[in-house]
Each structure stands twice: as C-alpha cells, then as structure tokens.
Protein backbone atom coordinates (compact mmCIF):
# COMPACT_ATOMS: atom_id res chain seq x y z
CA MET A 1 -211.30 -152.04 6.57
CA PRO A 2 -213.35 -149.70 8.78
CA THR A 3 -215.58 -147.24 7.02
CA ARG A 4 -214.79 -143.55 7.40
CA ARG A 5 -217.35 -140.89 6.69
CA ALA A 6 -217.15 -137.24 5.85
CA SER A 7 -218.93 -134.81 8.11
CA PRO A 8 -222.71 -134.75 7.50
CA ALA A 9 -223.82 -133.17 4.25
CA CYS A 10 -226.22 -130.30 4.01
CA SER A 11 -228.13 -128.57 1.27
CA LYS A 12 -226.19 -125.33 1.57
CA PRO A 13 -222.46 -124.71 1.10
CA LEU A 14 -220.40 -125.11 4.25
CA PRO A 15 -217.37 -123.04 5.17
CA ALA A 16 -214.29 -124.23 3.35
CA LYS A 17 -211.73 -126.15 5.39
CA THR A 18 -208.83 -123.76 4.83
CA PRO A 19 -206.38 -123.62 7.74
CA ASP A 20 -203.68 -120.99 7.97
CA PRO A 21 -201.45 -122.10 5.08
CA VAL A 22 -198.08 -121.69 6.76
CA THR A 23 -198.52 -122.46 10.45
CA THR A 24 -197.72 -126.17 10.78
CA PRO A 25 -196.41 -128.79 8.35
CA VAL A 26 -199.76 -130.55 8.08
CA ASP A 27 -201.54 -127.31 7.20
CA LEU A 28 -199.33 -126.74 4.17
CA ALA A 29 -200.95 -129.65 2.37
CA PHE A 30 -204.32 -127.88 2.53
CA MET A 31 -203.23 -124.96 0.38
CA THR A 32 -204.46 -124.95 -3.18
CA LEU A 33 -201.90 -125.52 -5.90
CA ALA A 34 -202.03 -121.85 -6.83
CA GLU A 35 -201.47 -120.84 -3.20
CA ALA A 36 -198.58 -123.26 -2.79
CA ALA A 37 -196.90 -122.03 -5.98
CA ALA A 38 -197.27 -118.41 -4.88
CA ALA A 39 -195.99 -119.10 -1.36
CA ILE A 40 -192.91 -120.94 -2.68
CA ALA A 41 -192.18 -118.25 -5.26
CA ALA A 42 -192.43 -115.54 -2.60
CA GLY A 43 -190.15 -117.42 -0.22
CA ASP A 44 -192.87 -117.68 2.44
CA VAL A 45 -192.38 -121.43 2.54
CA SER A 46 -189.88 -123.81 1.00
CA SER A 47 -190.59 -126.59 -1.46
CA ARG A 48 -189.09 -129.03 1.07
CA GLU A 49 -191.57 -127.94 3.74
CA VAL A 50 -194.52 -128.35 1.40
CA THR A 51 -193.23 -131.69 0.14
CA GLU A 52 -192.69 -132.96 3.68
CA ALA A 53 -196.31 -132.06 4.47
CA CYS A 54 -197.52 -134.10 1.49
CA LEU A 55 -195.26 -137.04 2.30
CA LYS A 56 -196.50 -137.04 5.87
CA ARG A 57 -200.07 -137.40 4.66
CA MET A 58 -199.09 -140.10 2.17
CA THR A 59 -197.47 -142.29 4.79
CA ALA A 60 -200.22 -141.67 7.36
CA LEU A 61 -203.28 -142.02 5.13
CA ASN A 62 -202.35 -144.47 2.40
CA PRO A 63 -203.14 -147.54 4.54
CA GLN A 64 -206.74 -146.28 4.64
CA VAL A 65 -207.20 -145.27 1.00
CA ASN A 66 -204.56 -147.16 -1.08
CA ALA A 67 -203.74 -144.30 -3.43
CA LEU A 68 -200.05 -145.01 -3.93
CA ALA A 69 -198.46 -147.36 -6.47
CA GLY A 70 -194.93 -146.24 -5.65
CA LEU A 71 -193.19 -143.73 -3.41
CA ASP A 72 -189.51 -142.82 -3.03
CA GLU A 73 -189.40 -140.27 -0.22
CA ALA A 74 -185.69 -139.61 -0.60
CA ASP A 75 -186.13 -138.80 -4.29
CA ALA A 76 -189.11 -136.55 -3.56
CA LEU A 77 -187.12 -134.58 -1.00
CA ALA A 78 -184.14 -134.37 -3.35
CA GLN A 79 -186.41 -132.82 -5.99
CA ALA A 80 -187.68 -130.32 -3.42
CA ASP A 81 -184.17 -129.41 -2.31
CA ALA A 82 -183.14 -128.87 -5.93
CA ALA A 83 -186.14 -126.58 -6.43
CA ASP A 84 -185.21 -124.58 -3.33
CA ALA A 85 -181.59 -124.33 -4.44
CA ALA A 86 -182.64 -123.05 -7.87
CA ARG A 87 -184.79 -120.38 -6.27
CA ALA A 88 -181.98 -119.35 -3.92
CA LYS A 89 -179.68 -118.89 -6.93
CA GLY A 90 -182.17 -116.59 -8.59
CA ALA A 91 -182.97 -118.99 -11.42
CA ALA A 92 -186.03 -118.32 -13.56
CA LEU A 93 -188.97 -120.08 -11.96
CA GLY A 94 -191.76 -121.86 -13.78
CA PRO A 95 -195.40 -121.35 -12.75
CA LEU A 96 -195.42 -124.63 -10.80
CA HIS A 97 -191.95 -124.30 -9.29
CA GLY A 98 -191.44 -126.60 -6.32
CA VAL A 99 -195.05 -127.78 -6.11
CA PRO A 100 -195.48 -131.52 -5.38
CA LEU A 101 -197.66 -133.39 -7.87
CA ALA A 102 -198.16 -137.14 -8.34
CA HIS A 103 -199.48 -139.02 -11.35
CA LYS A 104 -201.36 -142.04 -12.56
CA ASP A 105 -199.03 -145.03 -12.90
CA MET A 106 -199.27 -145.10 -16.70
CA TYR A 107 -197.06 -142.07 -17.40
CA TYR A 108 -193.57 -143.11 -18.36
CA ARG A 109 -190.53 -141.60 -16.70
CA ARG A 110 -187.22 -142.88 -17.96
CA GLY A 111 -185.81 -145.59 -15.72
CA ARG A 112 -188.74 -145.59 -13.27
CA VAL A 113 -191.24 -148.44 -12.99
CA SER A 114 -194.57 -147.80 -14.72
CA ALA A 115 -196.77 -150.80 -13.93
CA CYS A 116 -200.08 -149.43 -15.25
CA GLY A 117 -201.95 -151.09 -12.39
CA SER A 118 -200.96 -154.52 -13.67
CA ALA A 119 -198.91 -157.60 -12.91
CA ILE A 120 -197.84 -157.86 -16.53
CA ARG A 121 -195.83 -154.62 -16.37
CA LYS A 122 -194.85 -154.69 -12.72
CA ASP A 123 -191.14 -154.47 -13.63
CA PHE A 124 -191.40 -152.32 -16.76
CA ARG A 125 -188.95 -149.40 -16.84
CA PRO A 126 -189.35 -147.18 -19.92
CA ASP A 127 -186.44 -145.64 -21.81
CA HIS A 128 -188.18 -142.29 -22.30
CA THR A 129 -190.35 -139.80 -20.43
CA ALA A 130 -193.93 -138.82 -21.26
CA THR A 131 -194.30 -135.44 -22.95
CA ALA A 132 -196.83 -134.32 -20.33
CA LEU A 133 -194.34 -135.07 -17.55
CA GLU A 134 -191.54 -133.28 -19.40
CA ARG A 135 -193.74 -130.20 -19.71
CA LEU A 136 -194.61 -130.29 -16.02
CA ASP A 137 -190.89 -130.64 -15.26
CA ALA A 138 -190.24 -127.56 -17.38
CA ALA A 139 -192.90 -125.68 -15.42
CA GLY A 140 -191.02 -126.54 -12.22
CA ALA A 141 -193.39 -129.11 -10.73
CA LEU A 142 -192.16 -132.03 -8.63
CA ASP A 143 -193.22 -135.61 -9.41
CA ILE A 144 -193.24 -137.28 -6.01
CA ALA A 145 -195.24 -140.51 -6.39
CA ARG A 146 -196.89 -143.00 -8.72
CA LEU A 147 -200.62 -143.41 -8.16
CA ASN A 148 -202.80 -146.50 -8.34
CA MET A 149 -205.21 -147.01 -11.20
CA VAL A 150 -207.56 -149.53 -12.75
CA GLU A 151 -205.58 -152.24 -14.52
CA PHE A 152 -204.40 -150.78 -17.85
CA ALA A 153 -206.99 -147.98 -17.39
CA PHE A 154 -209.77 -150.39 -18.44
CA GLY A 155 -212.62 -149.57 -16.05
CA VAL A 156 -214.73 -146.78 -14.60
CA THR A 157 -215.34 -147.94 -11.03
CA GLY A 158 -211.80 -147.92 -9.62
CA HIS A 159 -211.68 -151.63 -8.78
CA ASN A 160 -208.37 -153.41 -9.32
CA ASP A 161 -208.15 -157.11 -8.47
CA VAL A 162 -204.43 -157.21 -9.27
CA VAL A 163 -202.80 -154.47 -7.17
CA GLY A 164 -205.69 -153.56 -4.87
CA THR A 165 -208.58 -151.14 -5.05
CA PRO A 166 -208.26 -147.52 -3.84
CA ARG A 167 -210.86 -146.28 -1.33
CA ASN A 168 -212.94 -143.14 -1.51
CA PRO A 169 -211.68 -140.76 1.20
CA TRP A 170 -215.20 -139.40 1.79
CA ASN A 171 -216.42 -142.87 2.71
CA THR A 172 -214.13 -145.85 2.25
CA ALA A 173 -217.05 -148.18 1.58
CA HIS A 174 -217.72 -146.36 -1.69
CA MET A 175 -216.01 -146.46 -5.07
CA THR A 176 -213.52 -143.86 -6.22
CA GLY A 177 -214.44 -143.91 -9.87
CA GLY A 178 -211.88 -144.94 -12.45
CA SER A 179 -209.70 -145.48 -14.10
CA SER A 180 -207.67 -142.62 -12.54
CA SER A 181 -208.68 -143.83 -9.09
CA GLY A 182 -205.46 -143.11 -7.23
CA SER A 183 -205.25 -139.65 -8.79
CA GLY A 184 -208.67 -138.76 -7.41
CA VAL A 185 -207.95 -140.21 -3.98
CA ALA A 186 -204.49 -138.61 -3.60
CA VAL A 187 -205.63 -135.10 -4.52
CA ALA A 188 -208.80 -135.28 -2.41
CA SER A 189 -206.79 -136.62 0.56
CA ARG A 190 -204.35 -133.69 0.30
CA MET A 191 -201.42 -135.98 -0.48
CA CYS A 192 -200.46 -133.78 -3.44
CA PHE A 193 -201.72 -130.61 -5.13
CA GLY A 194 -202.75 -132.13 -8.44
CA ALA A 195 -202.40 -135.23 -10.55
CA LEU A 196 -202.55 -136.32 -14.15
CA GLY A 197 -205.20 -138.82 -15.14
CA SER A 198 -206.37 -140.11 -18.48
CA ASP A 199 -209.87 -140.18 -19.93
CA THR A 200 -211.05 -142.70 -22.53
CA GLY A 201 -214.64 -143.07 -21.34
CA GLY A 202 -214.81 -140.87 -18.24
CA SER A 203 -211.65 -141.82 -16.37
CA ILE A 204 -210.71 -138.28 -15.30
CA ARG A 205 -214.20 -136.93 -14.76
CA LEU A 206 -215.60 -139.90 -12.84
CA PRO A 207 -212.86 -140.02 -10.14
CA ALA A 208 -213.09 -136.23 -9.91
CA ALA A 209 -216.86 -136.50 -9.39
CA CYS A 210 -216.63 -139.32 -6.84
CA CYS A 211 -213.85 -137.59 -4.88
CA GLY A 212 -215.15 -133.99 -4.99
CA LEU A 213 -212.56 -132.56 -7.40
CA VAL A 214 -212.25 -130.60 -10.61
CA GLY A 215 -211.34 -132.78 -13.58
CA MET A 216 -210.71 -131.73 -17.19
CA LYS A 217 -211.07 -134.10 -20.12
CA PRO A 218 -209.57 -131.94 -22.87
CA THR A 219 -210.45 -131.96 -26.54
CA TYR A 220 -209.03 -135.00 -28.33
CA GLY A 221 -205.63 -133.87 -29.60
CA ARG A 222 -205.20 -130.96 -27.16
CA VAL A 223 -202.60 -132.72 -24.94
CA SER A 224 -199.93 -135.17 -26.05
CA ARG A 225 -200.33 -138.84 -25.10
CA HIS A 226 -196.70 -139.64 -25.97
CA GLY A 227 -195.22 -141.73 -23.17
CA ALA A 228 -198.60 -142.65 -21.69
CA MET A 229 -199.67 -146.30 -21.86
CA PRO A 230 -202.43 -146.40 -24.52
CA LEU A 231 -205.86 -147.93 -24.10
CA ALA A 232 -207.82 -146.80 -27.16
CA HIS A 233 -205.85 -144.52 -29.46
CA SER A 234 -208.85 -142.75 -31.03
CA LEU A 235 -210.37 -141.92 -27.63
CA ASP A 236 -207.50 -141.46 -25.15
CA THR A 237 -206.97 -138.01 -23.62
CA VAL A 238 -204.63 -136.67 -20.95
CA GLY A 239 -205.74 -134.15 -18.31
CA PRO A 240 -205.49 -132.99 -14.68
CA LEU A 241 -207.44 -133.56 -11.47
CA THR A 242 -207.20 -130.74 -8.92
CA ARG A 243 -209.11 -129.15 -6.06
CA THR A 244 -209.99 -125.92 -7.85
CA VAL A 245 -210.63 -124.68 -11.37
CA ARG A 246 -207.68 -122.29 -11.14
CA ASP A 247 -205.36 -125.13 -10.16
CA ASN A 248 -206.63 -127.18 -13.07
CA ALA A 249 -206.03 -124.37 -15.53
CA LEU A 250 -202.47 -123.97 -14.22
CA ILE A 251 -201.63 -127.57 -15.06
CA MET A 252 -203.44 -127.53 -18.40
CA GLN A 253 -201.59 -124.37 -19.40
CA ALA A 254 -198.34 -126.24 -18.86
CA ILE A 255 -199.18 -129.46 -20.71
CA ALA A 256 -201.38 -128.41 -23.66
CA GLY A 257 -200.07 -128.00 -27.17
CA ILE A 258 -198.78 -129.72 -30.25
CA ASP A 259 -196.19 -132.49 -29.96
CA PRO A 260 -194.46 -134.10 -32.96
CA ASN A 261 -194.25 -137.33 -30.95
CA ASP A 262 -198.06 -137.57 -30.93
CA PRO A 263 -199.39 -137.09 -34.47
CA VAL A 264 -202.97 -136.45 -33.37
CA THR A 265 -202.07 -133.35 -31.36
CA ALA A 266 -203.56 -130.30 -33.02
CA GLY A 267 -201.88 -127.10 -34.09
CA THR A 268 -204.83 -125.07 -32.83
CA PRO A 269 -203.29 -122.36 -30.59
CA VAL A 270 -203.53 -122.95 -26.84
CA GLY A 271 -205.60 -120.25 -25.21
CA ASP A 272 -204.66 -118.21 -22.17
CA TYR A 273 -206.62 -120.28 -19.69
CA LEU A 274 -205.49 -118.31 -16.66
CA GLY A 275 -205.97 -114.90 -18.26
CA GLY A 276 -209.58 -115.69 -19.11
CA LEU A 277 -210.57 -117.21 -15.78
CA ASP A 278 -212.14 -114.17 -14.18
CA LYS A 279 -213.88 -112.69 -17.21
CA ASP A 280 -217.57 -111.93 -16.91
CA VAL A 281 -219.94 -114.77 -17.86
CA ARG A 282 -223.00 -112.59 -18.43
CA GLY A 283 -224.73 -113.26 -21.71
CA LEU A 284 -223.22 -116.69 -22.26
CA LYS A 285 -225.73 -119.33 -23.36
CA VAL A 286 -225.72 -122.39 -21.12
CA GLY A 287 -227.56 -125.37 -22.58
CA LEU A 288 -230.02 -127.37 -20.48
CA PRO A 289 -230.47 -130.76 -22.20
CA GLU A 290 -234.08 -131.72 -22.80
CA ASN A 291 -233.26 -135.40 -23.24
CA PHE A 292 -230.65 -138.11 -22.60
CA PHE A 293 -228.40 -136.51 -19.97
CA TYR A 294 -231.14 -136.51 -17.32
CA ASP A 295 -232.42 -140.00 -18.17
CA GLY A 296 -232.77 -141.94 -14.93
CA VAL A 297 -231.11 -139.26 -12.82
CA ALA A 298 -231.53 -139.77 -9.07
CA PRO A 299 -233.64 -137.09 -7.33
CA GLU A 300 -230.86 -136.10 -4.93
CA VAL A 301 -228.46 -135.64 -7.85
CA ARG A 302 -231.01 -133.66 -9.86
CA THR A 303 -231.59 -131.27 -6.95
CA LEU A 304 -227.91 -130.39 -6.61
CA VAL A 305 -227.22 -130.13 -10.34
CA GLU A 306 -230.26 -127.93 -10.96
CA ALA A 307 -229.14 -125.68 -8.10
CA SER A 308 -225.77 -125.24 -9.83
CA LEU A 309 -227.54 -124.27 -13.05
CA LYS A 310 -229.51 -121.64 -11.13
CA MET A 311 -226.19 -120.10 -10.02
CA PHE A 312 -225.25 -119.55 -13.67
CA GLU A 313 -228.60 -117.92 -14.29
CA ASP A 314 -228.04 -115.65 -11.27
CA ARG A 315 -224.65 -114.66 -12.73
CA GLY A 316 -226.30 -113.44 -15.93
CA CYS A 317 -226.05 -116.49 -18.16
CA GLU A 318 -228.95 -117.35 -20.44
CA ILE A 319 -230.27 -120.86 -19.79
CA VAL A 320 -231.35 -122.37 -23.10
CA PRO A 321 -233.21 -125.71 -23.34
CA VAL A 322 -231.61 -127.75 -26.10
CA LYS A 323 -232.67 -130.95 -27.84
CA ILE A 324 -229.87 -133.52 -27.89
CA PRO A 325 -229.58 -135.49 -31.16
CA ASP A 326 -231.18 -138.92 -30.80
CA ALA A 327 -227.96 -140.59 -31.94
CA VAL A 328 -226.31 -139.75 -28.61
CA ALA A 329 -228.19 -142.71 -27.14
CA VAL A 330 -225.90 -145.16 -28.96
CA MET A 331 -222.63 -143.36 -28.22
CA ASN A 332 -222.12 -145.11 -24.88
CA ARG A 333 -222.17 -148.57 -26.44
CA LEU A 334 -220.18 -147.47 -29.48
CA THR A 335 -217.50 -146.02 -27.22
CA ASN A 336 -217.33 -149.36 -25.42
CA LEU A 337 -216.94 -151.14 -28.75
CA ILE A 338 -214.13 -148.83 -29.89
CA THR A 339 -212.37 -149.13 -26.54
CA ALA A 340 -212.53 -152.92 -26.51
CA THR A 341 -211.41 -153.23 -30.14
CA GLU A 342 -208.52 -150.77 -29.96
CA GLY A 343 -207.56 -152.06 -26.51
CA ALA A 344 -207.46 -155.61 -27.83
CA ALA A 345 -205.04 -154.49 -30.54
CA VAL A 346 -202.71 -153.08 -27.86
CA HIS A 347 -202.98 -156.19 -25.68
CA SER A 348 -203.24 -159.00 -28.25
CA ARG A 349 -199.74 -160.35 -27.63
CA TRP A 350 -200.17 -160.45 -23.85
CA MET A 351 -203.66 -161.92 -24.17
CA GLU A 352 -202.12 -164.78 -26.14
CA THR A 353 -199.23 -165.42 -23.76
CA GLN A 354 -200.23 -164.05 -20.33
CA ALA A 355 -204.03 -163.98 -20.26
CA THR A 356 -204.18 -165.38 -16.73
CA ASP A 357 -202.07 -162.47 -15.45
CA TYR A 358 -204.94 -160.05 -16.18
CA GLY A 359 -207.66 -159.37 -13.66
CA PRO A 360 -211.07 -160.83 -14.60
CA GLN A 361 -212.70 -157.51 -15.54
CA THR A 362 -209.89 -156.45 -17.89
CA ARG A 363 -209.58 -159.91 -19.43
CA ALA A 364 -213.32 -160.16 -20.09
CA ARG A 365 -213.53 -156.74 -21.74
CA LEU A 366 -210.44 -157.29 -23.89
CA ALA A 367 -211.86 -160.62 -25.06
CA ILE A 368 -214.85 -158.77 -26.54
CA GLY A 369 -212.50 -156.64 -28.62
CA LEU A 370 -210.56 -159.63 -29.90
CA PHE A 371 -213.71 -160.97 -31.54
CA THR A 372 -215.07 -157.70 -32.97
CA PRO A 373 -215.04 -157.90 -36.80
CA ALA A 374 -212.91 -155.25 -38.49
CA SER A 375 -215.86 -154.34 -40.71
CA VAL A 376 -217.98 -153.45 -37.67
CA TYR A 377 -215.19 -151.36 -36.15
CA LEU A 378 -214.62 -149.44 -39.39
CA ARG A 379 -218.35 -148.75 -39.82
CA VAL A 380 -218.44 -147.28 -36.31
CA LEU A 381 -215.52 -144.96 -37.11
CA THR A 382 -217.25 -143.77 -40.28
CA LEU A 383 -220.52 -143.17 -38.43
CA ARG A 384 -218.62 -141.31 -35.73
CA LYS A 385 -217.56 -138.50 -38.08
CA GLN A 386 -221.16 -137.90 -39.10
CA LEU A 387 -222.43 -137.91 -35.50
CA VAL A 388 -219.77 -135.42 -34.40
CA ARG A 389 -220.91 -132.94 -37.07
CA GLU A 390 -224.58 -133.42 -36.18
CA PHE A 391 -224.02 -132.97 -32.46
CA CYS A 392 -221.91 -129.82 -32.81
CA ASP A 393 -224.32 -128.27 -35.32
CA GLN A 394 -227.49 -129.05 -33.37
CA VAL A 395 -226.18 -128.31 -29.87
CA PHE A 396 -223.39 -125.76 -30.19
CA GLY A 397 -225.22 -123.95 -32.95
CA LYS A 398 -227.60 -122.83 -30.18
CA VAL A 399 -225.53 -122.64 -26.99
CA ASP A 400 -221.99 -121.88 -25.85
CA VAL A 401 -221.73 -124.81 -23.43
CA LEU A 402 -223.84 -127.75 -22.32
CA HIS A 403 -224.52 -128.24 -18.60
CA THR A 404 -225.29 -131.79 -17.43
CA PRO A 405 -225.07 -134.05 -14.38
CA LEU A 406 -221.71 -135.80 -14.42
CA MET A 407 -223.19 -138.99 -12.96
CA THR A 408 -226.88 -139.82 -12.89
CA MET A 409 -226.56 -141.64 -9.56
CA PRO A 410 -225.02 -140.99 -6.15
CA VAL A 411 -221.54 -142.47 -5.71
CA PRO A 412 -222.06 -146.26 -5.56
CA THR A 413 -220.59 -148.51 -2.91
CA LEU A 414 -217.65 -150.78 -3.67
CA ALA A 415 -219.97 -153.77 -3.35
CA GLU A 416 -222.52 -152.36 -5.82
CA SER A 417 -219.83 -151.63 -8.38
CA ASN A 418 -217.91 -154.91 -8.01
CA MET A 419 -217.93 -156.92 -11.25
CA SER A 420 -217.64 -160.31 -9.55
CA ALA A 421 -220.69 -159.64 -7.35
CA ASN A 422 -222.90 -157.98 -9.97
CA PRO A 423 -224.40 -160.22 -12.69
CA GLY A 424 -225.64 -157.17 -14.59
CA PHE A 425 -222.26 -155.48 -14.52
CA ALA A 426 -222.08 -154.65 -18.24
CA ASP A 427 -225.28 -152.63 -18.04
CA TYR A 428 -224.13 -151.10 -14.76
CA LEU A 429 -220.95 -149.84 -16.45
CA LEU A 430 -223.06 -148.19 -19.13
CA LYS A 431 -225.11 -146.48 -16.44
CA ILE A 432 -222.03 -145.15 -14.62
CA GLY A 433 -220.56 -143.76 -17.85
CA HIS A 434 -223.89 -142.63 -19.31
CA ASN A 435 -222.99 -138.93 -19.30
CA THR A 436 -219.23 -139.18 -19.83
CA ARG A 437 -218.75 -141.46 -22.82
CA PRO A 438 -220.52 -139.21 -25.35
CA GLY A 439 -217.79 -136.63 -24.77
CA ASN A 440 -215.10 -139.19 -25.59
CA PHE A 441 -216.94 -140.45 -28.66
CA LEU A 442 -217.32 -136.86 -29.89
CA GLY A 443 -213.82 -135.76 -28.85
CA LEU A 444 -215.21 -132.73 -26.98
CA PRO A 445 -213.81 -131.09 -23.84
CA GLY A 446 -215.60 -131.74 -20.56
CA LEU A 447 -215.04 -130.15 -17.15
CA ASN A 448 -216.27 -131.77 -13.94
CA VAL A 449 -217.05 -129.33 -11.11
CA PRO A 450 -218.25 -130.37 -7.61
CA CYS A 451 -221.62 -128.88 -6.63
CA GLY A 452 -222.48 -130.31 -3.22
CA PHE A 453 -223.05 -133.52 -1.32
CA THR A 454 -225.83 -136.08 -1.41
CA PRO A 455 -227.54 -137.00 1.89
CA ASP A 456 -225.07 -139.86 2.46
CA GLY A 457 -222.17 -137.38 2.52
CA LEU A 458 -220.71 -138.21 -0.91
CA PRO A 459 -219.74 -135.56 -3.49
CA CYS A 460 -221.94 -134.65 -6.44
CA SER A 461 -220.84 -132.80 -9.60
CA PHE A 462 -222.03 -131.20 -12.79
CA GLN A 463 -220.31 -131.33 -16.16
CA LEU A 464 -219.71 -128.56 -18.67
CA MET A 465 -219.21 -129.70 -22.28
CA GLY A 466 -217.92 -127.35 -24.94
CA ARG A 467 -216.93 -126.95 -28.55
CA PRO A 468 -213.60 -128.42 -29.67
CA PHE A 469 -210.63 -126.57 -28.11
CA ASP A 470 -212.90 -124.36 -25.99
CA GLU A 471 -211.39 -125.44 -22.68
CA GLY A 472 -210.86 -121.80 -21.75
CA LEU A 473 -214.60 -121.09 -21.76
CA LEU A 474 -215.28 -124.14 -19.59
CA TYR A 475 -212.68 -122.92 -17.10
CA ARG A 476 -214.20 -119.44 -17.13
CA LEU A 477 -217.65 -120.77 -16.24
CA GLY A 478 -216.26 -123.21 -13.69
CA GLN A 479 -214.35 -120.40 -12.04
CA ALA A 480 -217.50 -118.27 -11.88
CA TYR A 481 -219.25 -121.11 -10.09
CA GLN A 482 -216.44 -121.60 -7.59
CA GLN A 483 -216.30 -117.88 -6.86
CA ALA A 484 -219.96 -118.08 -5.83
CA THR A 485 -219.73 -121.34 -3.85
CA ASP A 486 -217.31 -123.13 -1.57
CA TRP A 487 -217.93 -126.84 -2.13
CA HIS A 488 -214.41 -127.16 -3.53
CA GLY A 489 -212.95 -126.04 -0.20
CA ARG A 490 -214.25 -129.01 1.76
CA ALA A 491 -211.91 -131.85 2.64
CA PRO A 492 -212.70 -135.43 3.73
CA ASP A 493 -212.12 -136.21 7.40
CA LEU A 494 -209.44 -138.88 7.54
CA SER A 495 -208.14 -138.02 11.00
C-alpha cells in the first residue's frame, strides 16, 4: 500500500483546516461534533446531508486506512431520515441529535454482528444493546458503522492478523495505536464525528495520541461496560475519541452514570462537564513528574510536551514538581498480568476448542494468563489497593492534576511494532504503554490531548491524569489548552 504523509510538521501551530461548514457535502464532515449538532438543531443542514458527507468519506478513504468493520449505508441514511423527520415534527431533540457516530466493533447492538476484530465471533449477533449505545441513542446520535479493532481488544499497536490492520491516516506506514484502532482512524479521517473506544491498558489514549485526537479514559466505574465485550473486568473502561475536548465532553455527558446492569458503576454524581469547560484555570496546580513518566522520553516528544506545559503556566496555573511513588514502576507489568489472567478467564473455552482461530499475538498473551497461579493474581489485587492509596495521597495531595507525555516515543512504524518481526516485542509493548497502564492499574481518569507534530509529521500528545471522578477538571484544562492552540484543527491529507 503506498505511503501517504501529512503536510510537513513545524514547531508552531498551523492554521486549522476548517472549511466553510455548509458549502459542499465533503465540507460538512470537517465540522466538529459540536458544530454539526448545532447546525442540525438550527436547521442549517440536515442529518441526511451530514451523514452523506461521512459516508462519502468512508467509501472513498477506507481502502487506504481500513477503519471499517461493517457498514450498511441504507441503514445509516434511514437513521438520518428518521432524525430529520423527528426534528420536522417538533420533537424534543437530544444534544447529539442527528450526528453520525461510529463505534469499536465490540459494542453490542441487538441483532447486529459484533465480531470484536475476530474470526471466532464473526457471525455473533447479540440479543441486547450496550448501555453506552442506548444512552447515545437517547441523546439522538446516529450509529452508522462498526469500526475495526485489535482482536478482542488485546493489543496496543493496532495490528490485527485476523481481519486486517488499520493504517494511520497521517502516514499509512505507521501504527494507529490500539486496541481502538479503527475508532482513531475513522475520527481522524473525518468519517464520523466521534467514536467509542475501550481502555484496559491505553486503548483509547494510544489511538487518540497516534491519530491526533482527544481521548478520555474515564475513572473505573464512571461509564457502564454492559454490552461491551470484556477483556479484563477489573481494568476495562469505556470512553470517547473525538477531535476536540468539547466534543469529547458532549459524548461523555451522555454516557456517564450508574447502571444496574454493570455492578461496578459508581453512584458518584456525574458532573456538568460542558458547564465547566470554559471556567478559569488560574491557580490550579499542575504536577510535573520528577520521575518515571519521562523515563526514556524521546527529545522531540519532550520538546512538544514541555511546550504544552508552558501554556498552562502562561494561563496562570502553578507548575509543581512532584515525586511519583516508586511503586509505579511495577504497575505496567502488573497491569499486563491482570489483563492476561482475567482475559484468559473470558477466553478459556475458546482457547480449548478454537485456539488456532486466534491471531498469534492474542493467542500468545492469553496463554500467559492461563498459566498464572491464582495465588499470584490475588496477591496483585491486594497490593493494588495499597498502591492506589499511596499514589493518590502522594501525588494528588500536592497537585490537582498530573501532566505527562502520553507516549515516550514518536509514533512507531507498522514494521517496528509488528509482533512477528520483533523478537523483543514483549518489552516493546511495555515501552508503548509505559505512561498509560498506570492509569488503568490505579483506576484514574486520563485525558489525551494533541500538542503538535514530530519532525516526521506524526501527532504528539500530552496526558492529564486526575483524581477519581474528576473528569470535569481534566476537560476544563484540556479546553484551556485548545483555546490557546490549534493543533486539534489539523486534518490528515488523504486526498
């Protein structure tokens, strides 16, 4: 497949690629989610017109980037027509009314295939719909496509040897990040206005970082996982990938909250994410980690991330150096152990009867979990509670949020991140997820925000980590950054 590159990167923000939102069908796909929702609500454009613009990009661009696991254009247009008819009748409109979204192919919708990036479930049709999808339906959003993913969400690079690997729209020779690979690619390619992913070890934040998007891994228990194919029940989280912080908050506002079908969802009240977006950030304490999160960081990544931190200082935040507890160094490996062990419990029956139907990466990692002693797994869970308390006391006792690089390296190539071609792949996985897995182990919210491009034209991002259920503060700081910069307005050149 020929390599496609974004326009050359530079060290300063470039003008956002924001065409007139309602001039031609192709331009409609370049609106933000918030702009599209407002335009549909005002009657400036119809849901059908916006949906047609997205479908046009899907059919034109998918051969290059392989984002789609399934697409029914007739159904997508029928949803749009129903949304337009409801508006014409004066029906009450939800905040996402008529806006086309698409989601990772692990979210169940009754009667529709949900293959989870696998051969094993290629014909699986669930008898119920995921809570997150039901809540987006209630908010008026359209669900127009299923998006590719790493097989059973078990991987951080985006590779899938079973159904094919998505390609990074900024440069198709580079990885997308995973496991929500198709979600990152589809949103970055302007095929849809937002997408749900899942995050067990970085699988929302890494595709967001590699594809130049905003990605929220919420607090464990903030969003229901009911009707989403599980990987590791004590780590799995559900969250959105979008182009802007405001768009992300719009989706999170719709999906967050307690659900009796998911017993780990918390009764902690959901904040007003949108109402707090534009509040002043002066006086907030932003933590600069003195250790761990900058270990081995590439110079070009450090330069961009430190520049983003300077923006917060310029906006009146107090930058506070903070010592990270030494125990964080083991959280990456412990998260891997939990994921493999809990994943093996989910997949044990198929591993016994259909092991050869798995791709090699998934099969190898599940095999580790099958042979992990229960005593080791239980000791890790006990240790985890202690480490969560220590981290929150020592870090968030001093600062409001922690600011880190999301990845310590520039976006790797597909060849560099290919398991079959990399004998040191296990260590390479740890390096890719170095700064994401602690958040999963601790159950803390993490927001990925793009902050520029490395010299090879690939996106770079920082991460904001917060106290449990403090997603609103992360959004507030992310919004402040995007008001001062325009990295989020750039789009990959796939023409």
